[in-house]
């Protein structure tokens, strides 16, 4: 396979957001092309004007950019190529590989009813295949004259050799009676004109491939290599649905707080593997990816695994980059934007916040104590800790911290330990109410890190509030 010969494409229909399964298909197409030094193209299949929307197109492009699925050249819009599709249908008509079908909708409906009653496959019976007694000025569809003898074979790069008897393939419509091209025709023409060499898509399209090959062979065009990837199932083995996480990729970003690197890595490992490697960078993926590593069985989507992987990427992320993603989430929670100083504080806090979280929302939630207003609101567990002896200890801790010569980690820890030793108790007996008093919760980063991040004035003020 020469490097420059490989051309793949991703061809979503803009009737909704970029589905997680579609994102994986796009990723596999991109990686295969990049691995072989070829091109990865994007085609928007927007011929269904009733269901295609600009909002969906924008969402697909946005989702692809978020996942760094960069395509080569400009996106192709299928709806703009209807004249070319019709040109090919008419060429097939001229060459005798297609024919005019004058069957009316009522006739076709009656045929289907007869076939249902006889428990036969619902298939056009070719009644106009060899006729030339065409009615004058009557509307007609153009149908492909599919071969009736022999078989069609696809050596699929994932599924292996798959064979269909040609007798099972009916004469599909290429042009409707109103002159508009069908999806099946448009896909074939666009793939050919775009120079696509490898069609990598979900295995729900495998049956389409046999019918589309009829057009390709009739036109004498080169056949693409096919790779039909098993679909993604839920963790319970059922077809993937919204309850499993079958959402648009925008939901993983906006609602679930995932990083694009984590989602991309997770999608890569859904149905493809490289030994026992789990954490795979984009550069490694391009180097290692090939269709041979794609399994034939459906992969199972596991949201817990995705969250764990996201946690890894959070821990590895640059603190300034991460704080830029988290700041808007905090702003939404507290009802105001963070100041420049608060954003700098958030970035400083990242080394303590990110190891405790698996999503951006969990980072944001863990950081809320930094931007809380006084007097601090306490959750139920924190409030239960702050009474009696605990308040006495906190008063002593306030005084010890206030007397510290400087606000360094060493001096802060020394002051708190002295309070515990003087009271004859373990450090935890002081740290827990101290955490509750400073953060309003019973969980947080290390207590000395909390004190450092809040600073002397804010820490002492929060402790002093409990004396009032």
Protein backbone atom coordinates (compact mmCIF):
# COMPACT_ATOMS: atom_id res chain seq x y z
CA UNK A 1 0.00 0.00 0.00
CA UNK A 2 1.65 3.23 -1.08
CA UNK A 3 1.46 5.97 1.50
CA UNK A 4 -0.11 8.59 -0.76
CA UNK A 5 -2.82 6.19 -1.98
CA UNK A 6 -4.82 6.01 1.26
CA UNK A 7 -7.90 8.23 1.48
CA UNK A 8 -10.53 7.73 4.19
CA UNK A 9 -13.65 9.70 4.98
CA UNK A 10 -16.12 10.34 7.76
CA UNK A 11 -19.63 11.00 6.47
CA UNK A 12 -22.12 11.90 9.23
CA UNK A 13 -25.76 12.77 8.62
CA UNK A 14 -26.54 16.07 10.40
CA UNK A 15 -29.80 14.97 11.99
CA UNK A 16 -28.40 15.24 15.54
CA UNK A 17 -25.20 15.80 17.48
CA UNK A 18 -21.96 13.91 16.94
CA UNK A 19 -22.79 10.57 18.56
CA UNK A 20 -20.09 8.80 20.55
CA UNK A 21 -20.14 5.91 18.03
CA UNK A 22 -19.73 8.32 15.15
CA UNK A 23 -16.81 9.97 16.92
CA UNK A 24 -15.08 6.59 17.19
CA UNK A 25 -15.66 5.94 13.48
CA UNK A 26 -14.14 9.34 12.66
CA UNK A 27 -11.18 8.61 14.93
CA UNK A 28 -10.47 5.24 13.30
CA UNK A 29 -10.65 6.83 9.84
CA UNK A 30 -8.29 9.62 10.88
CA UNK A 31 -5.78 7.29 12.51
CA UNK A 32 -5.75 4.86 9.57
CA UNK A 33 -5.13 7.71 7.12
CA UNK A 34 -2.45 9.35 9.26
CA UNK A 35 -0.74 6.00 9.93
CA UNK A 36 -0.41 5.45 6.18
CA UNK A 37 0.48 9.05 5.38
CA UNK A 38 -2.77 9.54 3.50
CA UNK A 39 -5.77 11.88 3.67
CA UNK A 40 -8.78 12.00 5.99
CA UNK A 41 -11.80 13.74 4.45
CA UNK A 42 -15.12 14.95 5.85
CA UNK A 43 -18.44 14.77 4.03
CA UNK A 44 -21.69 16.06 5.50
CA UNK A 45 -24.52 13.87 4.18
CA UNK A 46 -27.24 16.51 4.35
CA UNK A 47 -29.53 15.29 1.57
CA UNK A 48 -32.40 14.69 3.99
CA UNK A 49 -33.53 18.32 4.11
CA UNK A 50 -36.46 17.54 6.40
CA UNK A 51 -34.15 16.27 9.17
CA UNK A 52 -30.79 17.95 8.51
CA UNK A 53 -30.21 21.15 10.47
CA UNK A 54 -27.49 23.76 10.59
CA UNK A 55 -27.43 23.34 14.37
CA UNK A 56 -26.54 19.67 13.94
CA UNK A 57 -23.87 20.48 11.33
CA UNK A 58 -22.31 23.02 13.71
CA UNK A 59 -22.44 20.52 16.57
CA UNK A 60 -20.71 17.83 14.48
CA UNK A 61 -17.94 20.20 13.40
CA UNK A 62 -17.57 21.49 16.97
CA UNK A 63 -17.38 17.96 18.38
CA UNK A 64 -14.75 16.93 15.84
CA UNK A 65 -12.63 19.98 16.59
CA UNK A 66 -12.91 19.34 20.33
CA UNK A 67 -11.63 15.78 19.84
CA UNK A 68 -8.88 17.06 17.50
CA UNK A 69 -10.28 15.06 14.56
CA UNK A 70 -8.78 17.39 11.97
CA UNK A 71 -9.82 16.63 8.40
CA UNK A 72 -7.93 17.54 5.23
CA UNK A 73 -9.32 20.21 2.92
CA UNK A 74 -12.85 21.59 3.03
CA UNK A 75 -15.86 19.60 4.15
CA UNK A 76 -17.95 18.31 1.26
CA UNK A 77 -21.72 18.88 1.47
CA UNK A 78 -23.62 16.11 -0.28
CA UNK A 79 -26.69 18.26 -0.96
CA UNK A 80 -24.60 20.48 -3.25
CA UNK A 81 -23.75 17.55 -5.52
CA UNK A 82 -27.21 16.40 -6.61
CA UNK A 83 -26.55 17.27 -10.27
CA UNK A 84 -23.48 15.04 -10.29
CA UNK A 85 -25.41 12.18 -8.69
CA UNK A 86 -28.13 12.48 -11.35
CA UNK A 87 -25.46 12.56 -14.06
CA UNK A 88 -24.16 9.15 -12.94
CA UNK A 89 -27.68 7.69 -12.77
CA UNK A 90 -28.37 8.85 -16.32
CA UNK A 91 -25.03 7.43 -17.47
CA UNK A 92 -26.10 4.05 -16.05
CA UNK A 93 -29.42 4.43 -17.84
CA UNK A 94 -27.64 5.10 -21.12
CA UNK A 95 -25.30 2.12 -20.71
CA UNK A 96 -28.15 -0.27 -19.93
CA UNK A 97 -27.08 -0.81 -16.29
CA UNK A 98 -30.19 1.00 -15.07
CA UNK A 99 -33.77 1.28 -16.27
CA UNK A 100 -36.92 3.34 -15.98
CA UNK A 101 -39.46 2.13 -13.45
CA UNK A 102 -43.00 3.49 -13.80
CA UNK A 103 -44.45 1.56 -10.86
CA UNK A 104 -46.70 3.85 -8.83
CA UNK A 105 -46.56 4.13 -5.03
CA UNK A 106 -49.92 2.31 -4.84
CA UNK A 107 -48.62 -0.57 -6.97
CA UNK A 108 -45.50 -0.90 -4.82
CA UNK A 109 -47.57 -0.83 -1.62
CA UNK A 110 -49.79 -3.60 -3.00
CA UNK A 111 -46.70 -5.64 -3.93
CA UNK A 112 -45.38 -5.34 -0.37
CA UNK A 113 -48.72 -6.44 1.08
CA UNK A 114 -48.72 -9.52 -1.18
CA UNK A 115 -45.17 -10.39 -0.12
CA UNK A 116 -46.02 -9.95 3.56
CA UNK A 117 -49.06 -12.18 3.18
CA UNK A 118 -46.93 -14.84 1.47
CA UNK A 119 -44.17 -14.34 4.06
CA UNK A 120 -41.73 -13.47 1.31
CA UNK A 121 -38.84 -10.98 1.52
CA UNK A 122 -40.01 -7.44 0.81
CA UNK A 123 -38.25 -6.88 -2.48
CA UNK A 124 -39.07 -5.07 -5.73
CA UNK A 125 -39.99 -7.67 -8.34
CA UNK A 126 -38.31 -6.04 -11.36
CA UNK A 127 -41.59 -5.59 -13.23
CA UNK A 128 -40.19 -2.75 -15.37
CA UNK A 129 -36.67 -4.21 -15.71
CA UNK A 130 -36.95 -5.29 -19.36
CA UNK A 131 -39.91 -3.25 -20.58
CA UNK A 132 -39.71 -0.45 -23.12
CA UNK A 133 -43.42 0.32 -23.47
CA UNK A 134 -42.99 3.44 -21.41
CA UNK A 135 -46.12 5.57 -20.85
CA UNK A 136 -45.81 9.06 -22.28
CA UNK A 137 -45.08 11.89 -19.84
CA UNK A 138 -45.52 9.66 -16.78
CA UNK A 139 -43.09 10.07 -13.85
CA UNK A 140 -40.53 7.32 -13.41
CA UNK A 141 -37.77 6.32 -11.04
CA UNK A 142 -34.38 5.10 -12.23
CA UNK A 143 -33.45 1.70 -10.83
CA UNK A 144 -30.14 -0.15 -10.96
CA UNK A 145 -30.25 -3.34 -13.01
CA UNK A 146 -28.60 -5.52 -10.39
CA UNK A 147 -27.09 -8.87 -11.41
CA UNK A 148 -29.41 -11.81 -10.68
CA UNK A 149 -26.94 -14.66 -11.08
CA UNK A 150 -23.87 -15.55 -9.05
CA UNK A 151 -22.69 -13.86 -5.87
CA UNK A 152 -21.00 -10.74 -4.59
CA UNK A 153 -18.00 -11.14 -2.31
CA UNK A 154 -16.41 -8.57 0.00
CA UNK A 155 -13.08 -9.29 1.67
CA UNK A 156 -13.75 -7.02 4.59
CA UNK A 157 -10.70 -5.87 6.56
CA UNK A 158 -12.53 -6.48 9.85
CA UNK A 159 -15.30 -8.98 9.11
CA UNK A 160 -13.29 -11.20 6.77
CA UNK A 161 -14.80 -12.70 3.60
CA UNK A 162 -18.55 -12.05 3.37
CA UNK A 163 -20.67 -13.40 0.51
CA UNK A 164 -24.19 -12.53 -0.64
CA UNK A 165 -26.14 -14.28 -3.39
CA UNK A 166 -27.04 -11.74 -6.07
CA UNK A 167 -30.58 -13.12 -6.16
CA UNK A 168 -31.05 -11.52 -2.73
CA UNK A 169 -30.24 -8.03 -4.05
CA UNK A 170 -33.12 -6.12 -5.61
CA UNK A 171 -33.02 -3.38 -8.22
CA UNK A 172 -32.63 -0.40 -5.92
CA UNK A 173 -33.76 3.12 -6.82
CA UNK A 174 -31.02 5.53 -7.93
CA UNK A 175 -33.17 8.52 -8.85
CA UNK A 176 -36.64 9.05 -7.41
CA UNK A 177 -39.52 10.01 -9.66
CA UNK A 178 -39.00 13.67 -8.72
CA UNK A 179 -35.43 13.46 -10.01
CA UNK A 180 -33.73 13.52 -6.59
CA UNK A 181 -30.89 11.05 -5.97
CA UNK A 182 -31.09 8.42 -3.24
CA UNK A 183 -28.63 8.10 -0.40
CA UNK A 184 -27.26 4.83 -1.84
CA UNK A 185 -26.33 6.48 -5.13
CA UNK A 186 -24.98 9.67 -3.57
CA UNK A 187 -22.64 7.80 -1.22
CA UNK A 188 -21.06 5.80 -4.04
CA UNK A 189 -20.61 8.79 -6.36
CA UNK A 190 -19.17 10.98 -3.61
CA UNK A 191 -16.74 8.31 -2.42
CA UNK A 192 -15.51 7.82 -5.99
CA UNK A 193 -15.18 11.53 -6.77
CA UNK A 194 -13.39 12.15 -3.46
CA UNK A 195 -10.92 9.37 -4.24
CA UNK A 196 -11.83 7.34 -1.15
CA UNK A 197 -9.79 4.13 -1.07
CA UNK A 198 -10.91 2.73 2.31
CA UNK A 199 -14.48 2.87 3.59
CA UNK A 200 -14.29 2.43 7.37
CA UNK A 201 -17.71 2.55 9.02
CA UNK A 202 -20.09 0.73 11.38
CA UNK A 203 -21.07 -2.82 10.53
CA UNK A 204 -24.71 -1.73 10.27
CA UNK A 205 -23.65 -0.56 6.79
CA UNK A 206 -22.33 -3.94 5.68
CA UNK A 207 -25.52 -4.87 3.81
CA UNK A 208 -25.39 -1.50 2.03
CA UNK A 209 -21.91 -2.30 0.73
CA UNK A 210 -23.16 -5.18 -1.43
CA UNK A 211 -25.79 -2.97 -3.04
CA UNK A 212 -23.39 -0.06 -3.48
CA UNK A 213 -20.88 -2.35 -5.18
CA UNK A 214 -23.48 -2.89 -7.90
CA UNK A 215 -23.18 0.78 -8.86
CA UNK A 216 -19.39 0.73 -8.63
CA UNK A 217 -19.07 -2.30 -10.89
CA UNK A 218 -21.60 -0.98 -13.39
CA UNK A 219 -19.61 2.26 -13.69
CA UNK A 220 -16.32 0.38 -13.98
CA UNK A 221 -14.90 2.26 -11.02
CA UNK A 222 -12.22 0.84 -8.67
CA UNK A 223 -13.68 -0.87 -5.64
CA UNK A 224 -12.72 0.59 -2.24
CA UNK A 225 -11.45 -1.59 0.56
CA UNK A 226 -14.13 -2.05 3.20
CA UNK A 227 -13.74 -2.23 6.96
CA UNK A 228 -17.03 -2.60 8.85
CA UNK A 229 -16.47 -2.04 12.56
CA UNK A 230 -18.71 -3.74 15.16
CA UNK A 231 -21.02 -1.32 16.92
CA UNK A 232 -20.60 -0.22 20.52
CA UNK A 233 -22.84 -1.90 23.09
CA UNK A 234 -23.67 -0.91 26.64
CA UNK A 235 -21.93 -2.46 29.65
CA UNK A 236 -24.83 -4.93 29.87
CA UNK A 237 -24.30 -6.13 26.29
CA UNK A 238 -27.44 -4.45 24.95
CA UNK A 239 -27.41 -2.02 22.05
CA UNK A 240 -25.93 1.28 23.17
CA UNK A 241 -28.56 3.79 24.27
CA UNK A 242 -28.68 7.03 26.21
CA UNK A 243 -28.87 5.19 29.52
CA UNK A 244 -25.46 3.64 28.72
CA UNK A 245 -23.88 6.95 27.73
CA UNK A 246 -24.83 7.12 24.04
CA UNK A 247 -24.82 10.89 24.01
CA UNK A 248 -23.43 13.56 21.76
CA UNK A 249 -19.76 14.23 22.44
CA UNK A 250 -20.74 17.73 23.57
CA UNK A 251 -22.44 16.13 26.58
CA UNK A 252 -19.18 14.49 27.64
CA UNK A 253 -17.54 17.90 27.53
CA UNK A 254 -20.29 20.17 28.87
CA UNK A 255 -22.34 17.98 31.19
CA UNK A 256 -19.90 15.29 32.32
CA UNK A 257 -16.67 17.29 32.57
CA UNK A 258 -14.49 15.03 30.42
CA UNK A 259 -11.23 16.04 28.77
CA UNK A 260 -10.97 15.51 24.99
CA UNK A 261 -7.75 13.55 25.42
CA UNK A 262 -9.50 11.09 27.73
CA UNK A 263 -12.54 10.64 25.48
CA UNK A 264 -10.31 10.13 22.45
CA UNK A 265 -8.14 7.60 24.28
CA UNK A 266 -11.21 5.74 25.54
CA UNK A 267 -12.82 5.60 22.09
CA UNK A 268 -9.56 4.30 20.64
CA UNK A 269 -9.62 1.36 23.05
CA UNK A 270 -13.27 0.53 22.25
CA UNK A 271 -12.77 -2.28 19.80
CA UNK A 272 -9.07 -1.76 19.07
CA UNK A 273 -6.06 -2.75 21.11
CA UNK A 274 -2.29 -2.65 21.19
CA UNK A 275 -1.17 -5.27 23.65
CA UNK A 276 -1.96 -4.26 27.22
CA UNK A 277 -1.48 -0.54 26.59
CA UNK A 278 -4.29 1.57 28.05
CA UNK A 279 -2.89 5.11 28.07
CA UNK A 280 -2.15 5.95 24.45
CA UNK A 281 -1.28 9.40 23.16
CA UNK A 282 -2.44 10.61 19.76
CA UNK A 283 1.10 10.33 18.40
CA UNK A 284 1.35 6.73 19.61
CA UNK A 285 -2.10 5.97 18.22
CA UNK A 286 -1.08 7.18 14.76
CA UNK A 287 2.11 5.12 14.94
CA UNK A 288 0.38 1.93 16.13
CA UNK A 289 -3.09 2.00 14.57
CA UNK A 290 -4.06 -0.38 11.84
CA UNK A 291 -7.31 -2.12 10.97
CA UNK A 292 -5.84 -5.49 11.89
CA UNK A 293 -6.15 -4.53 15.56
CA UNK A 294 -9.93 -4.04 15.37
CA UNK A 295 -11.92 -6.95 16.82
CA UNK A 296 -15.01 -8.54 15.29
CA UNK A 297 -17.07 -8.50 18.49
CA UNK A 298 -19.02 -5.47 19.71
CA UNK A 299 -17.17 -3.46 22.35
CA UNK A 300 -18.84 -2.50 25.61
CA UNK A 301 -19.10 1.08 26.76
CA UNK A 302 -18.24 1.47 30.45
CA UNK A 303 -18.68 4.96 31.89
CA UNK A 304 -16.67 4.06 35.00
CA UNK A 305 -13.66 3.17 32.87
CA UNK A 306 -14.01 6.46 31.02
CA UNK A 307 -14.13 8.36 34.31
CA UNK A 308 -11.03 6.57 35.58
CA UNK A 309 -9.19 7.36 32.36
CA UNK A 310 -10.33 10.97 32.63
CA UNK A 311 -8.93 11.07 36.15
CA UNK A 312 -5.54 10.04 34.76
CA UNK A 313 -5.60 12.83 32.18
CA UNK A 314 -6.67 15.33 34.83
CA UNK A 315 -3.66 14.44 36.94
CA UNK A 316 -1.36 14.77 33.92
CA UNK A 317 -2.87 18.03 32.66
CA UNK A 318 -1.09 21.38 32.76
CA UNK A 319 -2.37 23.37 35.75
CA UNK A 320 -3.00 26.59 33.83
CA UNK A 321 -4.84 24.70 31.06
CA UNK A 322 -6.94 22.86 33.62
CA UNK A 323 -7.81 25.96 35.63
CA UNK A 324 -8.99 27.61 32.39
CA UNK A 325 -11.46 24.74 31.91
CA UNK A 326 -12.58 24.66 35.54
CA UNK A 327 -13.03 28.42 36.12
CA UNK A 328 -16.27 28.71 34.08
CA UNK A 329 -17.72 25.76 35.99
CA UNK A 330 -16.95 27.42 39.31
CA UNK A 331 -18.42 30.69 38.03
CA UNK A 332 -21.64 28.87 37.22
CA UNK A 333 -21.75 27.37 40.71
CA UNK A 334 -21.11 30.62 42.61
CA UNK A 335 -23.00 32.92 40.25
CA UNK A 336 -20.13 35.21 39.29
CA UNK A 337 -16.93 35.22 37.27
CA UNK A 338 -13.60 34.69 38.99
CA UNK A 339 -11.26 37.65 39.27
CA UNK A 340 -7.76 37.47 37.82
CA UNK A 341 -6.42 36.90 41.32
CA UNK A 342 -8.90 34.10 41.96
CA UNK A 343 -8.00 32.44 38.68
CA UNK A 344 -4.34 32.56 39.69
CA UNK A 345 -5.29 31.01 43.05
CA UNK A 346 -7.19 28.25 41.24
CA UNK A 347 -4.14 27.45 39.12
CA UNK A 348 -1.98 27.32 42.27
CA UNK A 349 -4.47 24.96 43.89
CA UNK A 350 -4.57 22.51 40.96
CA UNK A 351 -1.78 20.21 42.23
CA UNK A 352 -3.91 19.61 45.36
CA UNK A 353 -7.32 19.51 43.65
CA UNK A 354 -6.82 17.35 40.58
CA UNK A 355 -5.56 14.14 42.27
CA UNK A 356 -8.89 13.95 44.11
CA UNK A 357 -11.12 14.23 41.04
CA UNK A 358 -12.17 12.24 37.98
CA UNK A 359 -14.08 14.98 36.16
CA UNK A 360 -13.82 18.74 35.69
CA UNK A 361 -17.01 19.12 37.72
CA UNK A 362 -15.41 17.28 40.63
CA UNK A 363 -12.39 19.60 40.40
CA UNK A 364 -14.72 22.61 40.42
CA UNK A 365 -16.68 21.25 43.37
CA UNK A 366 -13.49 20.56 45.29
CA UNK A 367 -12.29 24.13 44.69
CA UNK A 368 -15.44 25.87 45.92
CA UNK A 369 -14.06 26.41 49.43
CA UNK A 370 -11.47 28.79 47.98
CA UNK A 371 -14.15 31.20 46.78
CA UNK A 372 -16.75 30.84 49.53
CA UNK A 373 -18.11 33.95 51.21
CA UNK A 374 -18.06 34.40 54.98
CA UNK A 375 -19.57 33.31 57.22
CA UNK A 376 -18.97 29.91 55.69
CA UNK A 377 -21.95 27.69 54.88
CA UNK A 378 -21.42 24.28 56.50
CA UNK A 379 -22.70 20.97 55.17
CA UNK A 380 -24.45 18.64 57.63
CA UNK A 381 -21.37 16.58 58.52
CA UNK A 382 -19.19 19.66 59.00
CA UNK A 383 -21.78 21.33 61.20
CA UNK A 384 -21.98 18.22 63.38
CA UNK A 385 -18.23 18.42 64.05
CA UNK A 386 -18.23 22.03 65.16
CA UNK A 387 -19.50 22.04 68.70
CA UNK A 388 -18.26 21.73 72.30
CA UNK A 389 -14.61 20.70 72.64
CA UNK A 390 -14.03 21.12 68.90
CA UNK A 391 -14.79 24.84 69.13
CA UNK A 392 -12.39 25.16 72.04
CA UNK A 393 -9.67 23.44 70.01
CA UNK A 394 -10.35 25.72 67.06
CA UNK A 395 -10.03 28.78 69.24
CA UNK A 396 -6.64 27.53 70.42
CA UNK A 397 -5.68 26.73 66.80
CA UNK A 398 -6.62 30.25 65.74
CA UNK A 399 -4.38 31.74 68.39
CA UNK A 400 -1.49 29.41 67.59
CA UNK A 401 -1.68 30.19 63.87
CA UNK A 402 -2.03 33.90 64.54
CA UNK A 403 1.20 33.75 66.58
CA UNK A 404 3.12 31.90 63.81
CA UNK A 405 6.18 33.87 62.73
CA UNK A 406 5.33 33.36 59.05
CA UNK A 407 2.71 31.62 56.90
CA UNK A 408 4.90 28.82 55.60
CA UNK A 409 4.05 25.14 55.44
CA UNK A 410 6.58 24.43 58.16
CA UNK A 411 5.27 27.06 60.60
CA UNK A 412 1.60 26.20 59.92
CA UNK A 413 2.13 22.51 60.61
CA UNK A 414 4.21 23.28 63.69
CA UNK A 415 1.42 25.49 65.13
CA UNK A 416 -1.34 22.92 64.58
CA UNK A 417 0.75 20.05 65.99
CA UNK A 418 1.46 22.07 69.12
CA UNK A 419 -2.28 22.47 69.72
CA UNK A 420 -2.79 18.70 69.42
CA UNK A 421 0.17 17.87 71.68
CA UNK A 422 -0.94 20.35 74.32
CA UNK A 423 -4.43 18.79 74.31
CA UNK A 424 -2.97 15.29 74.43
CA UNK A 425 -4.75 14.16 71.28
CA UNK A 426 -3.79 12.99 67.82
CA UNK A 427 -3.34 15.47 65.00
CA UNK A 428 -6.48 14.17 63.26
CA UNK A 429 -8.64 15.29 66.19
CA UNK A 430 -7.60 18.86 65.42
CA UNK A 431 -7.38 18.54 61.62
CA UNK A 432 -10.95 17.34 61.14
CA UNK A 433 -12.79 20.22 62.84
CA UNK A 434 -10.20 22.59 61.35
CA UNK A 435 -11.06 21.28 57.87
CA UNK A 436 -14.77 21.71 58.56
CA UNK A 437 -14.24 25.27 59.78
CA UNK A 438 -12.12 26.28 56.79
CA UNK A 439 -13.95 24.52 53.94
CA UNK A 440 -17.45 23.84 55.28
CA UNK A 441 -16.93 20.14 54.51
CA UNK A 442 -15.29 17.07 55.98
CA UNK A 443 -13.31 16.31 52.81
CA UNK A 444 -10.75 18.56 51.14
CA UNK A 445 -7.11 18.67 50.13
CA UNK A 446 -4.61 18.25 52.95
CA UNK A 447 -5.36 20.64 55.79
CA UNK A 448 -1.97 22.36 55.61
CA UNK A 449 -2.44 22.88 51.86
CA UNK A 450 -5.87 24.38 52.60
CA UNK A 451 -4.35 26.83 55.05
CA UNK A 452 -1.61 27.80 52.60
CA UNK A 453 -4.04 28.32 49.73
CA UNK A 454 -6.50 30.39 51.77
CA UNK A 455 -3.70 32.52 53.22
CA UNK A 456 -3.26 33.96 56.70
CA UNK A 457 -6.00 36.58 56.66
CA UNK A 458 -8.78 34.40 55.21
CA UNK A 459 -7.88 31.38 57.35
CA UNK A 460 -7.86 33.35 60.58
CA UNK A 461 -11.04 35.18 59.64
CA UNK A 462 -12.92 31.92 59.00
CA UNK A 463 -11.77 30.55 62.35
CA UNK A 464 -12.66 33.79 64.12
CA UNK A 465 -16.22 33.59 62.70
CA UNK A 466 -16.80 30.52 64.88
CA UNK A 467 -16.12 32.50 68.05
CA UNK A 468 -18.98 34.88 67.41
